[in-house]
Amino acid sequence: MKNQESVETFQSLRKASEKIFELITSHLNVQSAYVAKRGDTAMTVLSSHNNKEELVPEGLEVEYSGAVCRVVINGENNTFNSSNTMGDELTRELEVANDLEMKGFLGVTLRDQKGEIFGTLCVLDQEEKNFSEEDVEFLRSIANILSYLIELDYTQFNMSLLNVPILPITQGVSVLTLQGIVDDERADKLTADVLRYAAQHEIDYFIIELSELVVLNGKFPYVVVEILQALQVMGIIPILTGITPSIAMQESGLDALRNLRIKTVSNVEEALEYIGFSLIESK
């Protein structure tokens, strides 16, 4: 094993993961969480969070043949769940498991938006842990969110936000105005832009305005729900405004929104008042 210099790429992924890893380690009650990228011959830790001692430093590189992440990628359903890697027949001979005194371990495979394997999202602890199927699904859901940020950084996405109108109001508060039809291609770009913007600008409140959104073929664009869920996971408070009658009639979309318990108001002004701001007319 060796410790590389800090990885300078994948900045959106690394920035967003700071908040997300805190959520993961708290929810699963583990010491460390990390994302590792698969290279030609090794796995490299891009971002990590350690609650106690620094078990998994950023930049850590492990030869692929000796990495626990290899077991994750090659495992059933591209996951690996072990209560004690030092005693597990798949990992007990691996140097890294013994060096880190790694016992409880859960890892899932990370893919980019094209379905290609990017690396792994893993948690570990020096105490034995029994992770449930619910824990596995939880970690997979986080991996799905991170895949959007991976795609951005992986392709070095440098397009402006002109096609995704995000308006900064003040520090920590921005407004996204959704207009027209949101098809599959636009949905991918929309999700990527919003999550990257939120991560880079340290947003606390994201107001999403829907009054100009077109509901096509009676189907509410589910990407809105996915964006709201992702923002919540990142520790950002989303607020919905401008829900029109055509949107209100879509039961499936509204059911998903209700399950997320998102704050809804009539317009942007009311959203700002809810946050604690007021608009003053100039005379």
Protein backbone atom coordinates (compact mmCIF):
# COMPACT_ATOMS: atom_id res chain seq x y z
CA MET A 1 0.00 0.00 0.00
CA LYS A 2 1.09 3.59 -0.49
CA ASN A 3 -0.37 6.99 0.17
CA GLN A 4 -0.55 9.19 -2.93
CA GLU A 5 -0.82 12.94 -3.08
CA SER A 6 -4.39 14.25 -2.88
CA VAL A 7 -6.39 13.55 -6.04
CA GLU A 8 -7.11 16.87 -7.74
CA THR A 9 -9.83 15.67 -10.04
CA PHE A 10 -13.42 14.68 -9.16
CA GLN A 11 -13.91 17.86 -7.14
CA SER A 12 -17.73 17.78 -7.21
CA LEU A 13 -17.76 14.21 -5.92
CA ARG A 14 -15.28 15.00 -3.16
CA LYS A 15 -17.10 18.18 -2.10
CA ALA A 16 -20.55 16.57 -1.93
CA SER A 17 -19.26 13.48 -0.15
CA GLU A 18 -18.13 15.56 2.85
CA LYS A 19 -21.75 15.90 3.99
CA ILE A 20 -22.94 12.58 2.63
CA PHE A 21 -20.27 10.54 4.47
CA GLU A 22 -21.31 12.07 7.78
CA LEU A 23 -24.84 10.84 7.10
CA ILE A 24 -23.61 7.36 6.12
CA THR A 25 -21.34 6.82 9.13
CA SER A 26 -24.04 8.04 11.50
CA HIS A 27 -26.81 5.94 9.92
CA LEU A 28 -24.74 2.74 9.78
CA ASN A 29 -22.81 3.42 13.02
CA VAL A 30 -19.37 2.87 11.51
CA GLN A 31 -15.95 4.51 11.80
CA SER A 32 -15.16 5.22 8.16
CA ALA A 33 -16.76 5.73 4.76
CA TYR A 34 -14.95 6.23 1.48
CA VAL A 35 -15.13 6.29 -2.31
CA ALA A 36 -12.37 4.52 -4.26
CA LYS A 37 -11.74 4.74 -8.00
CA ARG A 38 -10.66 1.70 -9.98
CA GLY A 39 -7.57 2.28 -12.09
CA ASP A 40 -5.65 0.00 -14.43
CA THR A 41 -3.75 -1.72 -11.60
CA ALA A 42 -4.97 -0.21 -8.33
CA MET A 43 -7.83 1.24 -6.31
CA THR A 44 -7.33 4.86 -5.17
CA VAL A 45 -9.33 6.54 -2.38
CA LEU A 46 -10.75 9.80 -3.76
CA SER A 47 -12.68 10.92 -0.69
CA SER A 48 -13.07 9.60 2.85
CA HIS A 49 -14.54 10.40 6.24
CA ASN A 50 -13.15 8.96 9.48
CA ASN A 51 -14.91 9.49 12.80
CA LYS A 52 -11.99 8.54 15.03
CA GLU A 53 -8.47 7.83 13.80
CA GLU A 54 -7.76 8.19 10.10
CA LEU A 55 -8.20 4.60 9.00
CA VAL A 56 -8.67 5.41 5.33
CA PRO A 57 -6.81 8.56 4.18
CA GLU A 58 -7.61 10.29 0.91
CA GLY A 59 -5.14 9.31 -1.77
CA LEU A 60 -4.55 5.82 -0.34
CA GLU A 61 -3.69 3.42 -3.16
CA VAL A 62 -3.97 -0.36 -2.95
CA GLU A 63 -2.95 -2.79 -5.71
CA TYR A 64 -6.13 -4.13 -7.28
CA SER A 65 -5.26 -7.77 -6.63
CA GLY A 66 -4.97 -7.07 -2.91
CA ALA A 67 -7.89 -4.67 -2.48
CA VAL A 68 -11.09 -5.46 -0.63
CA CYS A 69 -12.76 -3.26 -3.27
CA ARG A 70 -11.93 -5.96 -5.83
CA VAL A 71 -14.06 -8.37 -3.79
CA VAL A 72 -16.88 -5.81 -3.85
CA ILE A 73 -16.78 -5.38 -7.64
CA ASN A 74 -16.55 -9.14 -8.26
CA GLY A 75 -19.11 -10.06 -5.59
CA GLU A 76 -22.70 -11.17 -5.94
CA ASN A 77 -24.76 -8.18 -7.15
CA ASN A 78 -21.48 -6.23 -7.10
CA THR A 79 -21.55 -5.95 -3.30
CA PHE A 80 -19.62 -7.36 -0.37
CA ASN A 81 -20.96 -7.60 3.17
CA SER A 82 -18.83 -9.05 5.95
CA SER A 83 -19.07 -8.90 9.73
CA ASN A 84 -15.32 -9.58 10.01
CA THR A 85 -13.03 -9.29 6.96
CA MET A 86 -10.07 -10.61 8.99
CA GLY A 87 -11.88 -13.93 9.33
CA ASP A 88 -13.77 -14.00 6.04
CA GLU A 89 -12.40 -16.54 3.56
CA LEU A 90 -12.63 -13.98 0.74
CA THR A 91 -10.56 -11.31 2.50
CA ARG A 92 -8.57 -12.79 5.39
CA GLU A 93 -5.42 -13.15 3.26
CA LEU A 94 -5.54 -9.53 2.07
CA GLU A 95 -2.83 -7.34 3.57
CA VAL A 96 -5.01 -4.24 3.75
CA ALA A 97 -7.67 -6.00 5.88
CA ASN A 98 -5.10 -6.96 8.47
CA ASP A 99 -3.16 -3.68 8.34
CA LEU A 100 -6.30 -1.67 9.09
CA GLU A 101 -7.64 -4.29 11.53
CA MET A 102 -10.73 -4.20 9.38
CA LYS A 103 -13.72 -6.17 10.67
CA GLY A 104 -17.20 -4.87 9.83
CA PHE A 105 -17.31 -4.00 6.12
CA LEU A 106 -19.98 -3.15 3.57
CA GLY A 107 -19.26 -2.06 0.00
CA VAL A 108 -21.25 -1.47 -3.19
CA THR A 109 -20.05 -0.85 -6.74
CA LEU A 110 -20.19 2.68 -8.13
CA ARG A 111 -21.05 3.16 -11.79
CA ASP A 112 -21.14 6.21 -14.01
CA GLN A 113 -24.26 7.21 -15.94
CA LYS A 114 -23.28 4.94 -18.83
CA GLY A 115 -23.26 1.91 -16.52
CA GLU A 116 -19.48 1.55 -16.57
CA ILE A 117 -17.77 0.57 -13.31
CA PHE A 118 -16.14 3.60 -11.70
CA GLY A 119 -15.14 2.17 -8.33
CA THR A 120 -16.71 1.47 -4.95
CA LEU A 121 -18.53 3.13 -2.06
CA CYS A 122 -17.57 1.40 1.19
CA VAL A 123 -17.90 1.63 4.97
CA LEU A 124 -15.80 -0.15 7.58
CA ASP A 125 -15.32 -0.51 11.30
CA GLN A 126 -12.75 -2.13 13.58
CA GLU A 127 -15.57 -3.83 15.48
CA GLU A 128 -17.67 -6.66 14.06
CA LYS A 129 -20.83 -5.41 12.35
CA ASN A 130 -23.84 -7.25 10.97
CA PHE A 131 -25.28 -5.20 8.12
CA SER A 132 -28.87 -5.87 7.06
CA GLU A 133 -30.39 -5.89 3.57
CA GLU A 134 -31.88 -2.49 4.44
CA ASP A 135 -28.34 -1.23 5.08
CA VAL A 136 -27.22 -2.56 1.70
CA GLU A 137 -30.12 -0.82 -0.06
CA PHE A 138 -29.36 2.40 1.82
CA LEU A 139 -25.75 2.37 0.60
CA ARG A 140 -26.89 1.57 -2.95
CA SER A 141 -29.24 4.57 -2.91
CA ILE A 142 -26.35 6.83 -1.94
CA ALA A 143 -24.24 5.30 -4.74
CA ASN A 144 -26.97 6.17 -7.24
CA ILE A 145 -26.83 9.79 -6.14
CA LEU A 146 -23.04 9.94 -6.33
CA SER A 147 -23.12 8.54 -9.87
CA TYR A 148 -24.45 11.86 -11.15
CA LEU A 149 -21.49 13.72 -9.69
CA ILE A 150 -19.09 11.09 -11.01
CA GLU A 151 -20.39 11.65 -14.52
CA LEU A 152 -19.83 15.39 -14.21
CA ASP A 153 -16.25 15.11 -13.07
CA TYR A 154 -15.42 12.09 -15.21
CA THR A 155 -16.28 13.94 -18.41
CA GLN A 156 -14.93 17.27 -17.07
CA PHE A 157 -18.26 18.90 -17.59
CA ASN A 158 -17.65 22.61 -18.27
CA MET A 159 -20.87 23.80 -19.87
CA SER A 160 -22.53 26.85 -18.40
CA LEU A 161 -25.84 26.76 -16.54
CA LEU A 162 -27.63 28.72 -19.26
CA ASN A 163 -29.98 25.83 -20.04
CA VAL A 164 -30.64 25.24 -16.35
CA PRO A 165 -31.70 28.64 -14.97
CA ILE A 166 -30.30 28.74 -11.44
CA LEU A 167 -30.50 32.16 -9.81
CA PRO A 168 -28.43 32.88 -6.70
CA ILE A 169 -30.46 34.97 -4.23
CA THR A 170 -27.96 35.35 -1.42
CA GLN A 171 -25.25 33.23 0.18
CA GLY A 172 -26.64 29.73 0.68
CA VAL A 173 -29.96 30.37 -1.15
CA SER A 174 -30.69 29.80 -4.85
CA VAL A 175 -33.73 29.38 -7.09
CA LEU A 176 -34.15 26.86 -9.92
CA THR A 177 -36.91 27.69 -12.41
CA LEU A 178 -38.10 24.63 -14.32
CA GLN A 179 -39.61 25.53 -17.69
CA GLY A 180 -41.03 23.56 -20.58
CA ILE A 181 -40.75 19.82 -21.13
CA VAL A 182 -38.22 17.76 -19.19
CA ASP A 183 -37.35 14.75 -21.36
CA ASP A 184 -34.84 12.02 -20.47
CA GLU A 185 -31.85 13.80 -22.00
CA ARG A 186 -32.65 17.09 -20.29
CA ALA A 187 -33.40 15.30 -17.02
CA ASP A 188 -29.85 13.91 -16.86
CA LYS A 189 -28.29 17.32 -17.48
CA LEU A 190 -30.68 19.00 -15.06
CA THR A 191 -29.85 16.60 -12.24
CA ALA A 192 -26.12 16.85 -12.85
CA ASP A 193 -26.14 20.67 -13.01
CA VAL A 194 -28.24 21.13 -9.89
CA LEU A 195 -26.18 18.73 -7.74
CA ARG A 196 -22.89 20.17 -8.93
CA TYR A 197 -24.08 23.74 -8.33
CA ALA A 198 -25.33 22.84 -4.85
CA ALA A 199 -22.05 21.17 -3.93
CA GLN A 200 -19.81 23.93 -5.27
CA HIS A 201 -21.78 26.85 -3.80
CA GLU A 202 -22.54 25.32 -0.37
CA ILE A 203 -26.28 25.83 -0.72
CA ASP A 204 -28.49 25.63 2.38
CA TYR A 205 -31.89 26.26 0.73
CA PHE A 206 -32.84 25.42 -2.87
CA ILE A 207 -36.14 26.89 -4.07
CA ILE A 208 -37.57 25.02 -7.08
CA GLU A 209 -40.18 26.92 -9.10
CA LEU A 210 -42.57 24.75 -11.13
CA SER A 211 -45.18 27.15 -12.54
CA GLU A 212 -43.70 27.00 -16.09
CA LEU A 213 -43.15 23.24 -16.07
CA VAL A 214 -45.02 21.36 -18.82
CA VAL A 215 -46.51 18.00 -17.81
CA LEU A 216 -46.19 15.82 -20.93
CA ASN A 217 -48.64 12.95 -21.60
CA GLY A 218 -50.04 13.31 -18.11
CA LYS A 219 -46.77 12.17 -16.50
CA PHE A 220 -45.10 14.25 -13.83
CA PRO A 221 -41.30 14.25 -14.49
CA TYR A 222 -39.93 11.99 -11.78
CA VAL A 223 -36.53 13.69 -12.06
CA VAL A 224 -37.94 16.43 -9.83
CA VAL A 225 -38.46 13.89 -7.06
CA GLU A 226 -34.95 12.49 -7.58
CA ILE A 227 -33.40 15.96 -7.37
CA LEU A 228 -35.32 16.76 -4.19
CA GLN A 229 -34.24 13.47 -2.61
CA ALA A 230 -30.61 14.05 -3.58
CA LEU A 231 -30.65 17.58 -2.14
CA GLN A 232 -32.03 16.27 1.14
CA VAL A 233 -29.30 13.64 1.35
CA MET A 234 -26.73 16.42 0.81
CA GLY A 235 -28.15 18.28 3.82
CA ILE A 236 -29.90 20.96 1.72
CA ILE A 237 -33.48 22.08 2.40
CA PRO A 238 -35.55 22.16 -0.83
CA ILE A 239 -38.72 24.27 -1.13
CA LEU A 240 -41.27 23.83 -3.94
CA THR A 241 -43.24 26.74 -5.38
CA GLY A 242 -45.68 27.24 -8.23
CA ILE A 243 -47.47 23.89 -8.21
CA THR A 244 -50.08 24.30 -10.96
CA PRO A 245 -53.43 22.48 -11.28
CA SER A 246 -51.96 20.22 -13.99
CA ILE A 247 -49.17 19.19 -11.63
CA ALA A 248 -51.54 18.80 -8.69
CA MET A 249 -53.61 16.29 -10.69
CA GLN A 250 -50.67 13.88 -11.09
CA GLU A 251 -51.21 11.41 -8.23
CA SER A 252 -48.01 9.39 -8.69
CA GLY A 253 -45.75 12.42 -8.63
CA LEU A 254 -47.53 14.04 -5.71
CA ASP A 255 -47.46 10.83 -3.69
CA ALA A 256 -43.69 10.72 -4.06
CA LEU A 257 -43.42 14.40 -3.09
CA ARG A 258 -45.57 13.85 0.00
CA ASN A 259 -43.35 10.98 1.08
CA LEU A 260 -40.36 13.32 0.98
CA ARG A 261 -42.22 15.86 3.19
CA ILE A 262 -41.07 18.81 1.12
CA LYS A 263 -42.15 22.33 2.11
CA THR A 264 -44.47 23.78 -0.56
CA VAL A 265 -45.58 27.42 -0.93
CA SER A 266 -47.37 29.43 -3.61
CA ASN A 267 -44.50 31.48 -4.98
CA VAL A 268 -40.85 32.43 -4.58
CA GLU A 269 -41.66 35.40 -2.35
CA GLU A 270 -43.42 33.14 0.15
CA ALA A 271 -40.48 30.74 0.02
CA LEU A 272 -38.07 33.56 0.88
CA GLU A 273 -40.34 34.67 3.73
CA TYR A 274 -40.33 31.09 5.03
CA ILE A 275 -36.52 31.12 5.03
CA GLY A 276 -36.50 34.50 6.79
CA PHE A 277 -36.09 37.03 3.99
CA SER A 278 -38.49 39.77 2.86
CA LEU A 279 -38.71 41.61 -0.44
CA ILE A 280 -38.80 45.40 -0.22
CA GLU A 281 -40.19 47.45 -3.11
CA SER A 282 -37.97 50.26 -4.30
CA LYS A 283 -39.70 53.66 -4.39
